[in-house]
Amino acid sequence: MPPLFPEPMWISTRLANSLMADNDISEPKRQRGEISLDGDEIIEDGVVESIDDAADLDIAEHVALKVGNNLTFRRVDQYLQGRFRQFSRTTIQKLIKEQAVKVNQNYAKPSTKLSAGDIVDVILPPPEIREIIPEDIPLNIVYEDDDMLVINKQANLIVHPARGQKSGTLVNALVHYAKNLSKGSECFRPGIVHRIDRNTTGILVIAKNDTAHWRLAAQFEKRLTKKYYLTIVHGTPELTSDCINQPLGVHPTARVKYAVRPDTGKEAITFYEVLEAFRGYSLLKVNIKTGRTHQIRVHLAYIRHPIVGDDMYGGKIVYQWQLENKEPIPQEPVMARPALHAWRMEIAHPTTNEQMVFEAPLPKDMQKMLDELRKFRA
């Protein structure tokens, strides 16, 4: 039998172990990292965050392939189907549509033609988590009945498991707390109908059965819910209220970030209102009409008022000496995470259709910063 990896060839240890773990390459298992090379060369292999529009990003695989001389399919979609046989044609098409495939640094179309020597960059979807371990993680429950559960999520809690984190998530806590949760379309995200970032606090709605899941999810899909956030930003916007209508997409060079993309981005609409202005900072109320990944964070950074503590998008960690306008001294930060809180949710009950309103008080760190800022109003 010919070797699995023709010489010359290099491949990362992690991916090689994934491919060869069974020591039976005549009947290889269809694992996530498995690639049918057929003379091609893997020139890069790593872990990145996915491109899905989800508030908690899954961990995905980045692979760069150099096309060899044994080119059976010239179209990139057919080429990828031949290389990643564990993925369906629909999945491959979606990857291309979502700009997860590049050919020679340009976003590919399904019909993009390949030649020997071309470089194909692919962001592969995250793996399915087949087992969820119940964990006794405290939940701050705002409301509960037979159909839905509403919680006030704490900071530093990712919503669902991914390859990089299979435990310590909200889903692990929910499986421990509730006997029955909706399955939705993904068995490793029981009850989850919407998401917020790991370090965003506040209101999160959970479905307790499948009927409730689809009815709640439909409201988010049709943009029938109203979602309000409170955030502390650097500086004070020139306009006391405004609409930021700028399309968002994956950052062109940093794939773990998002950016305003007028050319290829998806519609993203954010309304803000200045509630209080302080020396160097402001408290904003934000209402989003769409639910793009990092939407509020990117939009506020776009208007040059990044969220306090959001170092990914230009925000700075804040210390007490800064609030008091004093010389730097060693101390614990007042805000060491993005100061963003999902404050209020308006949604129809999945069974009664009654309009329900849920609010979550500010977390202690944001409240402490506001108390300090109010001593030094603008």
Protein backbone atom coordinates (compact mmCIF):
# COMPACT_ATOMS: atom_id res chain seq x y z
CA MET A 1 0.00 0.00 0.00
CA PRO A 2 1.41 3.47 -0.85
CA PRO A 3 2.34 5.68 2.12
CA LEU A 4 -0.40 7.90 3.51
CA PHE A 5 1.86 10.94 3.33
CA PRO A 6 4.02 11.03 0.18
CA GLU A 7 7.52 12.47 0.65
CA PRO A 8 8.43 15.23 1.08
CA MET A 9 5.77 16.00 3.71
CA TRP A 10 5.39 17.56 7.13
CA ILE A 11 2.37 17.55 9.37
CA SER A 12 1.77 18.72 12.92
CA THR A 13 2.06 16.13 15.68
CA ARG A 14 -1.52 16.77 16.81
CA LEU A 15 -3.01 16.21 13.37
CA ALA A 16 -0.76 13.24 12.65
CA ASN A 17 -1.86 11.59 15.88
CA SER A 18 -5.46 12.20 14.92
CA LEU A 19 -4.92 10.53 11.56
CA MET A 20 -2.81 7.61 12.72
CA ALA A 21 -4.25 6.94 16.19
CA ASP A 22 -5.82 3.66 15.13
CA ASN A 23 -2.64 2.31 13.48
CA ASP A 24 -4.92 0.96 10.75
CA ILE A 25 -4.69 3.28 7.80
CA SER A 26 -6.34 0.81 5.45
CA GLU A 27 -9.69 1.53 7.13
CA PRO A 28 -9.20 5.01 8.59
CA LYS A 29 -11.78 6.43 10.95
CA ARG A 30 -13.59 9.52 9.74
CA GLN A 31 -12.14 11.85 12.34
CA ARG A 32 -12.35 15.61 12.15
CA GLY A 33 -8.71 16.14 11.25
CA GLU A 34 -8.65 13.42 8.58
CA ILE A 35 -7.49 14.59 5.16
CA SER A 36 -7.18 12.60 1.94
CA LEU A 37 -4.01 14.20 0.56
CA ASP A 38 -3.49 12.44 -2.79
CA GLY A 39 -0.17 14.16 -3.40
CA ASP A 40 -1.06 17.51 -1.83
CA GLU A 41 0.94 19.04 1.00
CA ILE A 42 -0.28 20.38 4.33
CA ILE A 43 1.63 23.62 4.85
CA GLU A 44 -0.21 24.89 7.92
CA ASP A 45 -2.33 23.32 10.64
CA GLY A 46 -3.64 25.10 13.70
CA VAL A 47 -6.57 25.93 15.91
CA VAL A 48 -8.64 29.07 15.39
CA GLU A 49 -12.06 30.29 16.37
CA SER A 50 -14.93 29.66 14.02
CA ILE A 51 -16.71 32.09 11.74
CA ASP A 52 -20.23 31.20 12.82
CA ASP A 53 -22.52 34.02 13.93
CA ALA A 54 -22.63 32.81 17.51
CA ALA A 55 -21.92 34.80 20.60
CA ASP A 56 -19.67 32.08 21.92
CA LEU A 57 -17.25 31.06 19.23
CA ASP A 58 -16.47 27.38 18.80
CA ILE A 59 -12.95 26.14 18.28
CA ALA A 60 -12.31 25.21 14.67
CA GLU A 61 -9.44 23.76 12.66
CA HIS A 62 -7.37 25.81 10.22
CA VAL A 63 -5.63 23.83 7.48
CA ALA A 64 -3.68 25.21 4.53
CA LEU A 65 -3.13 22.84 1.60
CA LYS A 66 -0.74 23.21 -1.32
CA VAL A 67 -2.38 21.64 -4.36
CA GLY A 68 -0.26 18.87 -5.86
CA ASN A 69 0.00 17.58 -9.41
CA ASN A 70 -2.58 14.81 -8.92
CA LEU A 71 -5.49 17.21 -9.38
CA THR A 72 -8.66 15.20 -10.04
CA PHE A 73 -11.17 18.01 -9.48
CA ARG A 74 -10.47 21.56 -10.63
CA ARG A 75 -13.44 23.20 -8.88
CA VAL A 76 -12.59 24.08 -5.28
CA ASP A 77 -15.87 22.69 -3.88
CA GLN A 78 -15.26 19.30 -5.50
CA TYR A 79 -11.62 19.42 -4.45
CA LEU A 80 -12.55 19.96 -0.79
CA GLN A 81 -15.14 17.18 -0.89
CA GLY A 82 -12.39 14.87 -2.05
CA ARG A 83 -9.98 16.02 0.64
CA PHE A 84 -12.39 16.21 3.60
CA ARG A 85 -14.64 13.23 3.01
CA GLN A 86 -16.14 13.35 6.50
CA PHE A 87 -18.02 16.53 5.52
CA SER A 88 -21.13 16.59 3.36
CA ARG A 89 -21.44 18.60 0.15
CA THR A 90 -23.82 20.94 2.00
CA THR A 91 -21.22 21.58 4.70
CA ILE A 92 -18.52 22.32 2.13
CA GLN A 93 -20.84 24.72 0.29
CA LYS A 94 -21.62 26.49 3.56
CA LEU A 95 -17.94 26.87 4.39
CA ILE A 96 -17.37 28.55 1.04
CA LYS A 97 -20.44 30.76 1.42
CA GLU A 98 -19.35 31.84 4.91
CA GLN A 99 -15.90 32.81 3.59
CA ALA A 100 -14.11 30.01 5.40
CA VAL A 101 -12.22 29.03 2.24
CA LYS A 102 -9.50 31.03 0.50
CA VAL A 103 -7.51 30.25 -2.63
CA ASN A 104 -4.22 32.14 -2.82
CA GLN A 105 -5.48 34.56 -0.13
CA ASN A 106 -8.70 35.35 -2.03
CA TYR A 107 -12.15 34.22 -0.88
CA ALA A 108 -13.28 31.30 -2.98
CA LYS A 109 -16.51 30.65 -4.84
CA PRO A 110 -17.75 27.08 -5.38
CA SER A 111 -16.73 27.33 -9.02
CA THR A 112 -13.22 28.69 -8.35
CA LYS A 113 -10.77 26.70 -10.48
CA LEU A 114 -7.57 25.26 -9.00
CA SER A 115 -4.14 24.58 -10.44
CA ALA A 116 -1.09 22.77 -9.12
CA GLY A 117 0.74 24.95 -6.61
CA ASP A 118 -2.34 26.86 -5.44
CA ILE A 119 -2.71 27.40 -1.68
CA VAL A 120 -6.13 26.52 -0.27
CA ASP A 121 -6.86 27.81 3.25
CA VAL A 122 -9.80 26.17 5.03
CA ILE A 123 -11.46 26.86 8.37
CA LEU A 124 -13.16 23.59 9.31
CA PRO A 125 -16.27 23.49 11.51
CA PRO A 126 -15.94 22.54 15.18
CA PRO A 127 -16.41 18.94 16.27
CA GLU A 128 -19.55 17.50 17.71
CA ILE A 129 -19.43 17.08 21.47
CA ARG A 130 -20.96 13.67 22.08
CA GLU A 131 -21.12 13.70 25.86
CA ILE A 132 -22.05 16.43 28.31
CA ILE A 133 -20.85 16.04 31.88
CA PRO A 134 -23.30 17.43 34.48
CA GLU A 135 -21.55 19.91 36.77
CA ASP A 136 -22.79 21.64 39.89
CA ILE A 137 -22.14 25.22 38.77
CA PRO A 138 -24.28 27.86 40.54
CA LEU A 139 -27.03 29.43 38.43
CA ASN A 140 -28.67 32.78 39.12
CA ILE A 141 -32.26 31.99 38.14
CA VAL A 142 -34.50 34.93 37.24
CA TYR A 143 -37.58 32.96 36.13
CA GLU A 144 -38.62 29.35 35.59
CA ASP A 145 -41.69 27.39 34.51
CA ASP A 146 -42.34 24.13 32.62
CA ASP A 147 -41.30 25.62 29.27
CA MET A 148 -38.48 28.05 29.88
CA LEU A 149 -35.72 29.03 32.23
CA VAL A 150 -34.27 32.54 32.41
CA ILE A 151 -30.92 33.09 34.07
CA ASN A 152 -28.62 35.99 34.87
CA LYS A 153 -25.35 34.63 33.48
CA GLN A 154 -22.16 35.42 35.36
CA ALA A 155 -18.93 36.56 33.72
CA ASN A 156 -16.27 34.10 32.55
CA LEU A 157 -18.84 31.43 31.70
CA ILE A 158 -18.94 30.12 28.14
CA VAL A 159 -22.41 29.04 27.05
CA HIS A 160 -21.81 25.61 25.50
CA PRO A 161 -19.00 23.05 25.18
CA ALA A 162 -16.56 23.19 22.29
CA ARG A 163 -13.42 21.27 21.46
CA GLY A 164 -11.31 23.64 23.53
CA GLN A 165 -13.60 23.45 26.56
CA LYS A 166 -15.80 20.46 27.31
CA SER A 167 -16.52 21.31 30.94
CA GLY A 168 -17.22 24.33 33.09
CA THR A 169 -19.83 25.72 30.68
CA LEU A 170 -23.39 26.88 31.15
CA VAL A 171 -24.65 23.75 29.39
CA ASN A 172 -22.81 21.56 31.89
CA ALA A 173 -24.56 23.48 34.67
CA LEU A 174 -27.96 23.22 32.97
CA VAL A 175 -27.69 19.46 32.48
CA HIS A 176 -26.98 19.14 36.21
CA TYR A 177 -29.83 21.46 37.22
CA ALA A 178 -32.67 20.49 34.88
CA LYS A 179 -33.89 16.97 34.17
CA ASN A 180 -35.37 17.92 30.82
CA LEU A 181 -34.00 20.37 28.30
CA SER A 182 -34.76 20.87 24.64
CA LYS A 183 -32.42 19.19 22.17
CA GLY A 184 -32.98 21.62 19.33
CA SER A 185 -30.91 20.71 16.30
CA GLU A 186 -27.67 20.13 18.21
CA CYS A 187 -27.48 17.56 20.99
CA PHE A 188 -24.49 19.22 22.66
CA ARG A 189 -26.33 22.52 23.16
CA PRO A 190 -29.46 21.44 25.05
CA GLY A 191 -31.83 24.29 25.80
CA ILE A 192 -29.72 26.93 24.06
CA VAL A 193 -31.75 29.20 21.76
CA HIS A 194 -29.42 32.23 21.82
CA ARG A 195 -26.02 33.07 23.21
CA ILE A 196 -23.94 35.84 24.72
CA ASP A 197 -20.18 36.15 25.00
CA ARG A 198 -18.21 34.34 27.68
CA ASN A 199 -17.52 37.56 29.62
CA THR A 200 -20.87 39.23 28.98
CA THR A 201 -23.21 39.02 31.94
CA GLY A 202 -26.99 39.12 32.03
CA ILE A 203 -30.23 37.67 30.70
CA LEU A 204 -30.16 34.36 28.85
CA VAL A 205 -33.31 32.41 27.91
CA ILE A 206 -33.25 28.59 28.01
CA ALA A 207 -35.83 26.21 26.48
CA LYS A 208 -36.94 23.26 28.61
CA ASN A 209 -38.62 21.25 25.85
CA ASP A 210 -38.44 21.00 22.07
CA THR A 211 -41.70 22.82 21.38
CA ALA A 212 -40.57 25.76 23.47
CA HIS A 213 -37.19 25.65 21.77
CA TRP A 214 -38.52 26.08 18.25
CA ARG A 215 -41.02 28.76 19.27
CA LEU A 216 -38.41 30.76 21.14
CA ALA A 217 -35.81 30.28 18.43
CA ALA A 218 -38.30 31.48 15.81
CA GLN A 219 -38.68 34.76 17.68
CA PHE A 220 -34.93 35.36 17.57
CA GLU A 221 -34.79 34.34 13.91
CA LYS A 222 -37.61 36.73 13.00
CA ARG A 223 -36.17 39.49 15.22
CA LEU A 224 -39.30 39.67 17.34
CA THR A 225 -37.41 39.86 20.62
CA LYS A 226 -36.11 43.09 22.12
CA LYS A 227 -32.65 42.95 23.65
CA TYR A 228 -31.17 45.79 25.68
CA TYR A 229 -27.64 46.01 27.03
CA LEU A 230 -25.85 48.35 29.41
CA THR A 231 -22.20 49.11 28.75
CA ILE A 232 -19.47 51.47 29.92
CA VAL A 233 -17.35 52.91 27.12
CA HIS A 234 -14.30 55.10 26.77
CA GLY A 235 -15.18 58.73 26.08
CA THR A 236 -18.60 60.20 25.30
CA PRO A 237 -20.21 59.90 21.85
CA GLU A 238 -20.84 63.20 20.09
CA LEU A 239 -24.50 62.23 19.56
CA THR A 240 -26.53 61.38 22.67
CA SER A 241 -28.34 58.70 20.66
CA ASP A 242 -27.74 57.19 17.25
CA CYS A 243 -28.07 54.13 15.03
CA ILE A 244 -24.95 52.30 13.87
CA ASN A 245 -25.84 50.48 10.66
CA GLN A 246 -22.64 48.85 9.45
CA PRO A 247 -22.27 45.30 8.08
CA LEU A 248 -20.03 42.94 10.03
CA GLY A 249 -17.86 40.02 9.00
CA VAL A 250 -14.71 38.15 9.93
CA HIS A 251 -11.71 40.46 10.27
CA PRO A 252 -9.67 40.35 7.03
CA THR A 253 -6.39 39.48 8.76
CA ALA A 254 -7.23 38.40 12.34
CA ARG A 255 -9.72 35.53 12.01
CA VAL A 256 -10.51 35.48 15.72
CA LYS A 257 -11.96 39.00 15.44
CA TYR A 258 -14.82 40.68 13.60
CA ALA A 259 -14.85 43.98 11.78
CA VAL A 260 -17.03 46.35 9.79
CA ARG A 261 -16.98 44.88 6.27
CA PRO A 262 -18.91 47.06 3.78
CA ASP A 263 -18.01 44.68 0.95
CA THR A 264 -18.76 41.23 2.35
CA GLY A 265 -20.32 41.76 5.79
CA LYS A 266 -23.78 40.82 7.03
CA GLU A 267 -26.35 43.41 8.05
CA ALA A 268 -25.82 44.61 11.62
CA ILE A 269 -27.88 47.34 13.32
CA THR A 270 -27.14 48.78 16.76
CA PHE A 271 -28.95 51.62 18.53
CA TYR A 272 -27.36 53.37 21.48
CA GLU A 273 -28.33 56.08 23.97
CA VAL A 274 -26.03 57.90 26.38
CA LEU A 275 -27.51 57.49 29.87
CA GLU A 276 -24.72 59.14 31.87
CA ALA A 277 -21.51 60.95 30.95
CA PHE A 278 -18.45 61.01 33.17
CA ARG A 279 -14.88 62.23 32.94
CA GLY A 280 -13.46 60.03 30.20
CA TYR A 281 -16.27 57.46 30.22
CA SER A 282 -19.98 57.01 29.48
CA LEU A 283 -22.78 54.63 30.40
CA LEU A 284 -24.76 53.59 27.32
CA LYS A 285 -28.00 51.71 26.79
CA VAL A 286 -27.77 49.60 23.65
CA ASN A 287 -30.52 47.92 21.64
CA ILE A 288 -29.56 45.52 18.88
CA LYS A 289 -31.80 44.63 15.94
CA THR A 290 -29.48 41.91 14.68
CA GLY A 291 -27.39 39.38 16.58
CA ARG A 292 -23.98 39.24 14.92
CA THR A 293 -20.93 37.93 16.72
CA HIS A 294 -19.30 40.68 18.82
CA GLN A 295 -21.77 43.16 17.27
CA ILE A 296 -21.93 45.70 20.10
CA ARG A 297 -18.21 45.49 20.74
CA VAL A 298 -17.26 46.03 17.10
CA HIS A 299 -19.81 48.79 16.44
CA LEU A 300 -18.82 50.84 19.48
CA ALA A 301 -15.14 50.45 18.62
CA TYR A 302 -16.02 51.56 15.08
CA ILE A 303 -17.34 54.91 16.39
CA ARG A 304 -14.16 55.18 18.51
CA HIS A 305 -15.81 54.50 21.85
CA PRO A 306 -14.68 50.97 22.67
CA ILE A 307 -16.07 49.13 25.66
CA VAL A 308 -14.02 49.44 28.84
CA GLY A 309 -11.97 46.29 29.41
CA ASP A 310 -12.42 44.99 25.85
CA ASP A 311 -8.77 44.76 24.84
CA MET A 312 -9.64 42.81 21.67
CA TYR A 313 -11.33 45.89 20.22
CA GLY A 314 -9.31 48.72 21.74
CA GLY A 315 -10.83 48.99 25.20
CA LYS A 316 -8.55 49.30 28.23
CA ILE A 317 -8.56 47.67 31.65
CA VAL A 318 -9.44 50.36 34.21
CA TYR A 319 -7.79 50.90 37.59
CA GLN A 320 -8.88 53.01 40.55
CA TRP A 321 -5.97 55.43 40.15
CA GLN A 322 -7.17 56.24 36.63
CA LEU A 323 -10.66 57.11 37.86
CA GLU A 324 -9.16 59.41 40.48
CA ASN A 325 -6.76 60.93 37.92
CA LYS A 326 -3.73 60.02 40.04
CA GLU A 327 -0.28 58.57 39.38
CA PRO A 328 -0.16 54.82 38.58
CA ILE A 329 0.13 52.50 41.56
CA PRO A 330 -0.02 48.69 41.78
CA GLN A 331 -3.61 47.61 42.44
CA GLU A 332 -6.34 45.27 41.26
CA PRO A 333 -8.32 46.57 38.26
CA VAL A 334 -11.83 47.92 38.68
CA MET A 335 -12.86 46.41 35.32
CA ALA A 336 -10.77 43.56 33.93
CA ARG A 337 -13.34 42.29 31.40
CA PRO A 338 -15.55 43.95 28.78
CA ALA A 339 -18.07 46.08 30.69
CA LEU A 340 -21.10 44.71 28.83
CA HIS A 341 -24.30 43.46 30.48
CA ALA A 342 -27.43 41.96 28.87
CA TRP A 343 -29.79 44.01 30.99
CA ARG A 344 -33.29 43.45 29.58
CA MET A 345 -35.10 40.95 27.36
CA GLU A 346 -38.64 41.25 25.98
CA ILE A 347 -39.97 37.99 24.54
CA ALA A 348 -43.28 36.17 24.09
CA HIS A 349 -43.89 33.08 26.22
CA PRO A 350 -43.58 29.99 23.99
CA THR A 351 -46.89 28.48 25.19
CA THR A 352 -49.16 31.32 26.32
CA ASN A 353 -47.78 33.95 23.92
CA GLU A 354 -47.84 36.40 26.82
CA GLN A 355 -45.32 39.20 26.39
CA MET A 356 -42.72 38.80 29.11
CA VAL A 357 -40.03 41.19 30.31
CA PHE A 358 -36.93 40.08 32.18
CA GLU A 359 -34.26 42.28 33.72
CA ALA A 360 -30.97 41.52 35.44
CA PRO A 361 -29.26 43.97 37.82
CA LEU A 362 -25.76 45.13 37.01
CA PRO A 363 -22.96 42.83 38.15
CA LYS A 364 -20.84 44.00 41.06
CA ASP A 365 -17.81 45.02 39.00
CA MET A 366 -19.80 47.29 36.67
CA GLN A 367 -21.79 48.74 39.56
CA LYS A 368 -18.58 49.47 41.47
CA MET A 369 -17.10 51.28 38.48
CA LEU A 370 -20.25 53.36 38.04
CA ASP A 371 -20.25 54.28 41.73
CA GLU A 372 -16.67 55.50 41.37
CA LEU A 373 -17.37 57.36 38.13
CA ARG A 374 -20.31 59.20 39.65
CA LYS A 375 -17.88 60.89 42.01
CA PHE A 376 -16.25 62.53 38.98
CA ARG A 377 -19.04 63.45 36.59
CA ALA A 378 -18.25 65.24 33.33
